Amino acid sequence: MKIYGRAQNNESELEILSEATLVTEPSTLRDLASFLYRCADAIEDEGESWEHEQFESNEVVSPDFIVFNPYVVSTY
């Protein structure tokens, strides 16, 4: 698994992160877990036709959280 990211106020290129910290409510963690399960199912069910999906949160300040299919995106 690789985790990529960039600073919130920086539009620089993505960097590989060695650590990620989530600070959020339990309901959002459950929503994120459900999102990850749906992505895993889609990768298995749709194969290379599924490229990526972005998590959408109801929180006012929410960073982008995107899952890419490792079988499609070779640059990651």
PDB file of N, CA and C in Angstrom:
ATOM      1  N   MET A   1       0.846  -1.175   0.000  1.00  0.00           N
ATOM      2  CA  MET A   1       0.000   0.000   0.000  1.00  0.00           C
ATOM      3  C   MET A   1       0.887   1.232   0.000  1.00  0.00           C
ATOM      4  N   LYS A   2       0.522   2.191  -0.814  1.00  0.00           N
ATOM      5  CA  LYS A   2       1.199   3.489  -0.834  1.00  0.00           C
ATOM      6  C   LYS A   2       0.169   4.557  -0.511  1.00  0.00           C
ATOM      7  N   ILE A   3       0.567   5.523   0.303  1.00  0.00           N
ATOM      8  CA  ILE A   3      -0.299   6.653   0.628  1.00  0.00           C
ATOM      9  C   ILE A   3       0.389   7.898   0.095  1.00  0.00           C
ATOM     10  N   TYR A   4      -0.315   8.622  -0.778  1.00  0.00           N
ATOM     11  CA  TYR A   4       0.219   9.846  -1.357  1.00  0.00           C
ATOM     12  C   TYR A   4      -0.501  11.039  -0.755  1.00  0.00           C
ATOM     13  N   GLY A   5       0.132  12.187  -0.778  1.00  0.00           N
ATOM     14  CA  GLY A   5      -0.521  13.377  -0.272  1.00  0.00           C
ATOM     15  C   GLY A   5       0.256  14.634  -0.591  1.00  0.00           C
ATOM     16  N   ARG A   6      -0.353  15.743  -0.246  1.00  0.00           N
ATOM     17  CA  ARG A   6       0.276  17.055  -0.383  1.00  0.00           C
ATOM     18  C   ARG A   6      -0.295  17.961   0.696  1.00  0.00           C
ATOM     19  N   ALA A   7       0.390  19.031   0.971  1.00  0.00           N
ATOM     20  CA  ALA A   7      -0.060  19.972   1.993  1.00  0.00           C
ATOM     21  C   ALA A   7      -1.363  20.639   1.545  1.00  0.00           C
ATOM     22  N   GLN A   8      -2.201  20.990   2.503  1.00  0.00           N
ATOM     23  CA  GLN A   8      -3.502  21.564   2.204  1.00  0.00           C
ATOM     24  C   GLN A   8      -3.388  22.862   1.410  1.00  0.00           C
ATOM     25  N   ASN A   9      -2.399  23.663   1.716  1.00  0.00           N
ATOM     26  CA  ASN A   9      -2.257  24.951   1.045  1.00  0.00           C
ATOM     27  C   ASN A   9      -1.190  24.921  -0.044  1.00  0.00           C
ATOM     28  N   ASN A  10      -0.819  23.722  -0.501  1.00  0.00           N
ATOM     29  CA  ASN A  10       0.262  23.601  -1.464  1.00  0.00           C
ATOM     30  C   ASN A  10      -0.213  22.748  -2.640  1.00  0.00           C
ATOM     31  N   GLU A  11      -0.089  23.279  -3.833  1.00  0.00           N
ATOM     32  CA  GLU A  11      -0.485  22.552  -5.030  1.00  0.00           C
ATOM     33  C   GLU A  11       0.701  21.832  -5.660  1.00  0.00           C
ATOM     34  N   SER A  12       1.687  21.497  -4.862  1.00  0.00           N
ATOM     35  CA  SER A  12       2.857  20.801  -5.379  1.00  0.00           C
ATOM     36  C   SER A  12       2.498  19.382  -5.781  1.00  0.00           C
ATOM     37  N   GLU A  13       3.457  18.678  -6.340  1.00  0.00           N
ATOM     38  CA  GLU A  13       3.227  17.308  -6.757  1.00  0.00           C
ATOM     39  C   GLU A  13       2.985  16.414  -5.543  1.00  0.00           C
ATOM     40  N   LEU A  14       2.332  15.301  -5.802  1.00  0.00           N
ATOM     41  CA  LEU A  14       2.077  14.329  -4.744  1.00  0.00           C
ATOM     42  C   LEU A  14       3.390  13.749  -4.232  1.00  0.00           C
ATOM     43  N   GLU A  15       3.411  13.473  -2.945  1.00  0.00           N
ATOM     44  CA  GLU A  15       4.559  12.832  -2.317  1.00  0.00           C
ATOM     45  C   GLU A  15       4.073  11.591  -1.582  1.00  0.00           C
ATOM     46  N   ILE A  16       4.937  10.582  -1.482  1.00  0.00           N
ATOM     47  CA  ILE A  16       4.585   9.401  -0.705  1.00  0.00           C
ATOM     48  C   ILE A  16       4.677   9.762   0.774  1.00  0.00           C
ATOM     49  N   LEU A  17       3.621   9.472   1.511  1.00  0.00           N
ATOM     50  CA  LEU A  17       3.581   9.775   2.939  1.00  0.00           C
ATOM     51  C   LEU A  17       3.991   8.543   3.737  1.00  0.00           C
ATOM     52  N   SER A  18       4.688   8.774   4.817  1.00  0.00           N
ATOM     53  CA  SER A  18       5.050   7.663   5.690  1.00  0.00           C
ATOM     54  C   SER A  18       4.020   7.470   6.795  1.00  0.00           C
ATOM     55  N   GLU A  19       3.133   8.441   6.954  1.00  0.00           N
ATOM     56  CA  GLU A  19       2.131   8.372   8.013  1.00  0.00           C
ATOM     57  C   GLU A  19       0.948   9.237   7.638  1.00  0.00           C
ATOM     58  N   ALA A  20      -0.231   8.820   8.035  1.00  0.00           N
ATOM     59  CA  ALA A  20      -1.441   9.619   7.867  1.00  0.00           C
ATOM     60  C   ALA A  20      -2.231   9.540   9.166  1.00  0.00           C
ATOM     61  N   THR A  21      -2.758  10.653   9.597  1.00  0.00           N
ATOM     62  CA  THR A  21      -3.537  10.713  10.826  1.00  0.00           C
ATOM     63  C   THR A  21      -4.928  11.229  10.500  1.00  0.00           C
ATOM     64  N   LEU A  22      -5.954  10.505  10.924  1.00  0.00           N
ATOM     65  CA  LEU A  22      -7.329  10.931  10.725  1.00  0.00           C
ATOM     66  C   LEU A  22      -7.884  11.454  12.036  1.00  0.00           C
ATOM     67  N   VAL A  23      -8.445  12.640  12.007  1.00  0.00           N
ATOM     68  CA  VAL A  23      -9.089  13.224  13.178  1.00  0.00           C
ATOM     69  C   VAL A  23     -10.525  13.519  12.768  1.00  0.00           C
ATOM     70  N   THR A  24     -11.448  12.664  13.198  1.00  0.00           N
ATOM     71  CA  THR A  24     -12.834  12.820  12.766  1.00  0.00           C
ATOM     72  C   THR A  24     -13.777  12.057  13.695  1.00  0.00           C
ATOM     73  N   GLU A  25     -15.037  12.281  13.500  1.00  0.00           N
ATOM     74  CA  GLU A  25     -16.080  11.640  14.298  1.00  0.00           C
ATOM     75  C   GLU A  25     -16.240  10.162  13.897  1.00  0.00           C
ATOM     76  N   PRO A  26     -16.753   9.330  14.799  1.00  0.00           N
ATOM     77  CA  PRO A  26     -16.984   7.922  14.469  1.00  0.00           C
ATOM     78  C   PRO A  26     -17.862   7.728  13.233  1.00  0.00           C
ATOM     79  N   SER A  27     -18.863   8.559  13.058  1.00  0.00           N
ATOM     80  CA  SER A  27     -19.749   8.404  11.887  1.00  0.00           C
ATOM     81  C   SER A  27     -18.980   8.586  10.579  1.00  0.00           C
ATOM     82  N   THR A  28     -18.043   9.510  10.545  1.00  0.00           N
ATOM     83  CA  THR A  28     -17.246   9.720   9.340  1.00  0.00           C
ATOM     84  C   THR A  28     -16.283   8.562   9.127  1.00  0.00           C
ATOM     85  N   LEU A  29     -15.735   8.019  10.206  1.00  0.00           N
ATOM     86  CA  LEU A  29     -14.869   6.845  10.078  1.00  0.00           C
ATOM     87  C   LEU A  29     -15.654   5.671   9.491  1.00  0.00           C
ATOM     88  N   ARG A  30     -16.892   5.503   9.925  1.00  0.00           N
ATOM     89  CA  ARG A  30     -17.730   4.432   9.377  1.00  0.00           C
ATOM     90  C   ARG A  30     -18.041   4.678   7.903  1.00  0.00           C
ATOM     91  N   ASP A  31     -18.312   5.945   7.557  1.00  0.00           N
ATOM     92  CA  ASP A  31     -18.556   6.286   6.153  1.00  0.00           C
ATOM     93  C   ASP A  31     -17.317   5.987   5.307  1.00  0.00           C
ATOM     94  N   LEU A  32     -16.140   6.317   5.828  1.00  0.00           N
ATOM     95  CA  LEU A  32     -14.893   6.067   5.118  1.00  0.00           C
ATOM     96  C   LEU A  32     -14.646   4.565   4.967  1.00  0.00           C
ATOM     97  N   ALA A  33     -14.901   3.805   6.024  1.00  0.00           N
ATOM     98  CA  ALA A  33     -14.733   2.351   5.957  1.00  0.00           C
ATOM     99  C   ALA A  33     -15.675   1.754   4.910  1.00  0.00           C
ATOM    100  N   SER A  34     -16.897   2.211   4.864  1.00  0.00           N
ATOM    101  CA  SER A  34     -17.858   1.746   3.875  1.00  0.00           C
ATOM    102  C   SER A  34     -17.392   2.101   2.460  1.00  0.00           C
ATOM    103  N   PHE A  35     -16.886   3.303   2.293  1.00  0.00           N
ATOM    104  CA  PHE A  35     -16.338   3.749   1.011  1.00  0.00           C
ATOM    105  C   PHE A  35     -15.209   2.826   0.555  1.00  0.00           C
ATOM    106  N   LEU A  36     -14.304   2.493   1.455  1.00  0.00           N
ATOM    107  CA  LEU A  36     -13.177   1.627   1.114  1.00  0.00           C
ATOM    108  C   LEU A  36     -13.659   0.233   0.706  1.00  0.00           C
ATOM    109  N   TYR A  37     -14.661  -0.297   1.401  1.00  0.00           N
ATOM    110  CA  TYR A  37     -15.237  -1.596   1.024  1.00  0.00           C
ATOM    111  C   TYR A  37     -15.847  -1.528  -0.371  1.00  0.00           C
ATOM    112  N   ARG A  38     -16.587  -0.443  -0.657  1.00  0.00           N
ATOM    113  CA  ARG A  38     -17.192  -0.297  -1.990  1.00  0.00           C
ATOM    114  C   ARG A  38     -16.118  -0.222  -3.069  1.00  0.00           C
ATOM    115  N   CYS A  39     -15.020   0.480  -2.799  1.00  0.00           N
ATOM    116  CA  CYS A  39     -13.923   0.566  -3.763  1.00  0.00           C
ATOM    117  C   CYS A  39     -13.300  -0.810  -3.995  1.00  0.00           C
ATOM    118  N   ALA A  40     -13.064  -1.551  -2.929  1.00  0.00           N
ATOM    119  CA  ALA A  40     -12.486  -2.897  -3.059  1.00  0.00           C
ATOM    120  C   ALA A  40     -13.404  -3.795  -3.883  1.00  0.00           C
ATOM    121  N   ASP A  41     -14.697  -3.734  -3.613  1.00  0.00           N
ATOM    122  CA  ASP A  41     -15.650  -4.533  -4.380  1.00  0.00           C
ATOM    123  C   ASP A  41     -15.642  -4.136  -5.852  1.00  0.00           C
ATOM    124  N   ALA A  42     -15.590  -2.822  -6.116  1.00  0.00           N
ATOM    125  CA  ALA A  42     -15.600  -2.342  -7.498  1.00  0.00           C
ATOM    126  C   ALA A  42     -14.349  -2.782  -8.250  1.00  0.00           C
ATOM    127  N   ILE A  43     -13.195  -2.737  -7.604  1.00  0.00           N
ATOM    128  CA  ILE A  43     -11.959  -3.182  -8.244  1.00  0.00           C
ATOM    129  C   ILE A  43     -12.067  -4.661  -8.597  1.00  0.00           C
ATOM    130  N   GLU A  44     -12.580  -5.466  -7.678  1.00  0.00           N
ATOM    131  CA  GLU A  44     -12.726  -6.900  -7.947  1.00  0.00           C
ATOM    132  C   GLU A  44     -13.784  -7.186  -9.011  1.00  0.00           C
ATOM    133  N   ASP A  45     -14.901  -6.465  -8.958  1.00  0.00           N
ATOM    134  CA  ASP A  45     -16.013  -6.731  -9.871  1.00  0.00           C
ATOM    135  C   ASP A  45     -15.791  -6.157 -11.275  1.00  0.00           C
ATOM    136  N   GLU A  46     -15.196  -4.957 -11.348  1.00  0.00           N
ATOM    137  CA  GLU A  46     -15.086  -4.261 -12.627  1.00  0.00           C
ATOM    138  C   GLU A  46     -13.694  -4.333 -13.250  1.00  0.00           C
ATOM    139  N   GLY A  47     -12.714  -4.797 -12.475  1.00  0.00           N
ATOM    140  CA  GLY A  47     -11.361  -4.928 -13.008  1.00  0.00           C
ATOM    141  C   GLY A  47     -10.790  -3.609 -13.499  1.00  0.00           C
ATOM    142  N   GLU A  48     -10.142  -3.656 -14.651  1.00  0.00           N
ATOM    143  CA  GLU A  48      -9.458  -2.471 -15.173  1.00  0.00           C
ATOM    144  C   GLU A  48     -10.399  -1.382 -15.673  1.00  0.00           C
ATOM    145  N   SER A  49     -11.690  -1.672 -15.768  1.00  0.00           N
ATOM    146  CA  SER A  49     -12.625  -0.628 -16.194  1.00  0.00           C
ATOM    147  C   SER A  49     -12.929   0.359 -15.063  1.00  0.00           C
ATOM    148  N   TRP A  50     -12.599  -0.016 -13.830  1.00  0.00           N
ATOM    149  CA  TRP A  50     -12.776   0.889 -12.686  1.00  0.00           C
ATOM    150  C   TRP A  50     -11.444   1.561 -12.418  1.00  0.00           C
ATOM    151  N   GLU A  51     -11.407   2.896 -12.482  1.00  0.00           N
ATOM    152  CA  GLU A  51     -10.140   3.604 -12.301  1.00  0.00           C
ATOM    153  C   GLU A  51      -9.972   4.177 -10.905  1.00  0.00           C
ATOM    154  N   HIS A  52     -10.914   5.021 -10.455  1.00  0.00           N
ATOM    155  CA  HIS A  52     -10.775   5.654  -9.148  1.00  0.00           C
ATOM    156  C   HIS A  52     -12.119   6.171  -8.656  1.00  0.00           C
ATOM    157  N   GLU A  53     -12.143   6.512  -7.384  1.00  0.00           N
ATOM    158  CA  GLU A  53     -13.334   7.095  -6.767  1.00  0.00           C
ATOM    159  C   GLU A  53     -12.877   8.043  -5.675  1.00  0.00           C
ATOM    160  N   GLN A  54     -13.619   9.124  -5.495  1.00  0.00           N
ATOM    161  CA  GLN A  54     -13.286  10.112  -4.472  1.00  0.00           C
ATOM    162  C   GLN A  54     -14.317  10.067  -3.359  1.00  0.00           C
ATOM    163  N   PHE A  55     -13.839  10.015  -2.117  1.00  0.00           N
ATOM    164  CA  PHE A  55     -14.699  10.010  -0.940  1.00  0.00           C
ATOM    165  C   PHE A  55     -15.286  11.394  -0.744  1.00  0.00           C
ATOM    166  N   GLU A  56     -16.590  11.442  -0.506  1.00  0.00           N
ATOM    167  CA  GLU A  56     -17.256  12.710  -0.246  1.00  0.00           C
ATOM    168  C   GLU A  56     -17.770  12.714   1.177  1.00  0.00           C
ATOM    169  N   SER A  57     -17.414  13.753   1.905  1.00  0.00           N
ATOM    170  CA  SER A  57     -17.785  13.868   3.310  1.00  0.00           C
ATOM    171  C   SER A  57     -18.739  15.041   3.497  1.00  0.00           C
ATOM    172  N   ASN A  58     -19.561  14.959   4.528  1.00  0.00           N
ATOM    173  CA  ASN A  58     -20.465  16.058   4.859  1.00  0.00           C
ATOM    174  C   ASN A  58     -19.819  17.089   5.768  1.00  0.00           C
ATOM    175  N   GLU A  59     -18.574  16.854   6.147  1.00  0.00           N
ATOM    176  CA  GLU A  59     -17.888  17.797   7.025  1.00  0.00           C
ATOM    177  C   GLU A  59     -17.575  19.083   6.270  1.00  0.00           C
ATOM    178  N   VAL A  60     -17.553  20.205   6.990  1.00  0.00           N
ATOM    179  CA  VAL A  60     -17.304  21.510   6.377  1.00  0.00           C
ATOM    180  C   VAL A  60     -15.908  21.559   5.768  1.00  0.00           C
ATOM    181  N   VAL A  61     -14.910  21.140   6.512  1.00  0.00           N
ATOM    182  CA  VAL A  61     -13.543  21.076   6.004  1.00  0.00           C
ATOM    183  C   VAL A  61     -13.207  19.606   5.824  1.00  0.00           C
ATOM    184  N   SER A  62     -13.014  19.204   4.574  1.00  0.00           N
ATOM    185  CA  SER A  62     -12.770  17.799   4.296  1.00  0.00           C
ATOM    186  C   SER A  62     -11.695  17.677   3.225  1.00  0.00           C
ATOM    187  N   PRO A  63     -10.609  16.986   3.533  1.00  0.00           N
ATOM    188  CA  PRO A  63      -9.571  16.799   2.516  1.00  0.00           C
ATOM    189  C   PRO A  63     -10.039  15.802   1.456  1.00  0.00           C
ATOM    190  N   ASP A  64      -9.434  15.871   0.282  1.00  0.00           N
ATOM    191  CA  ASP A  64      -9.729  14.887  -0.751  1.00  0.00           C
ATOM    192  C   ASP A  64      -9.170  13.545  -0.327  1.00  0.00           C
ATOM    193  N   PHE A  65      -9.966  12.509  -0.473  1.00  0.00           N
ATOM    194  CA  PHE A  65      -9.523  11.144  -0.205  1.00  0.00           C
ATOM    195  C   PHE A  65      -9.919  10.338  -1.426  1.00  0.00           C
ATOM    196  N   ILE A  66      -8.935   9.881  -2.172  1.00  0.00           N
ATOM    197  CA  ILE A  66      -9.176   9.230  -3.450  1.00  0.00           C
ATOM    198  C   ILE A  66      -8.538   7.849  -3.438  1.00  0.00           C
ATOM    199  N   VAL A  67      -9.255   6.866  -3.954  1.00  0.00           N
ATOM    200  CA  VAL A  67      -8.725   5.518  -4.104  1.00  0.00           C
ATOM    201  C   VAL A  67      -8.546   5.255  -5.595  1.00  0.00           C
ATOM    202  N   PHE A  68      -7.340   4.831  -5.989  1.00  0.00           N
ATOM    203  CA  PHE A  68      -7.052   4.462  -7.371  1.00  0.00           C
ATOM    204  C   PHE A  68      -6.878   2.961  -7.479  1.00  0.00           C
ATOM    205  N   ASN A  69      -7.294   2.416  -8.593  1.00  0.00           N
ATOM    206  CA  ASN A  69      -7.147   0.995  -8.886  1.00  0.00           C
ATOM    207  C   ASN A  69      -5.676   0.730  -9.207  1.00  0.00           C
ATOM    208  N   PRO A  70      -4.979  -0.100  -8.430  1.00  0.00           N
ATOM    209  CA  PRO A  70      -3.553  -0.334  -8.670  1.00  0.00           C
ATOM    210  C   PRO A  70      -3.293  -1.078  -9.979  1.00  0.00           C
ATOM    211  N   TYR A  71      -4.313  -1.698 -10.541  1.00  0.00           N
ATOM    212  CA  TYR A  71      -4.140  -2.448 -11.782  1.00  0.00           C
ATOM    213  C   TYR A  71      -4.284  -1.551 -13.015  1.00  0.00           C
ATOM    214  N   VAL A  72      -4.755  -0.316 -12.808  1.00  0.00           N
ATOM    215  CA  VAL A  72      -4.943   0.619 -13.913  1.00  0.00           C
ATOM    216  C   VAL A  72      -3.899   1.712 -13.889  1.00  0.00           C
ATOM    217  N   VAL A  73      -3.602   2.236 -12.719  1.00  0.00           N
ATOM    218  CA  VAL A  73      -2.707   3.382 -12.577  1.00  0.00           C
ATOM    219  C   VAL A  73      -1.303   2.872 -12.267  1.00  0.00           C
ATOM    220  N   SER A  74      -0.466   2.832 -13.267  1.00  0.00           N
ATOM    221  CA  SER A  74       0.869   2.280 -13.070  1.00  0.00           C
ATOM    222  C   SER A  74       1.850   3.292 -12.499  1.00  0.00           C
ATOM    223  N   THR A  75       1.512   4.588 -12.512  1.00  0.00           N
ATOM    224  CA  THR A  75       2.429   5.591 -11.987  1.00  0.00           C
ATOM    225  C   THR A  75       2.401   5.673 -10.478  1.00  0.00           C
ATOM    226  N   TYR A  76       1.443   5.002  -9.837  1.00  0.00           N
ATOM    227  CA  TYR A  76       1.340   5.048  -8.388  1.00  0.00           C
ATOM    228  C   TYR A  76       1.927   3.825  -7.795  1.00  0.00           C
TER     229      TYR A  76
END
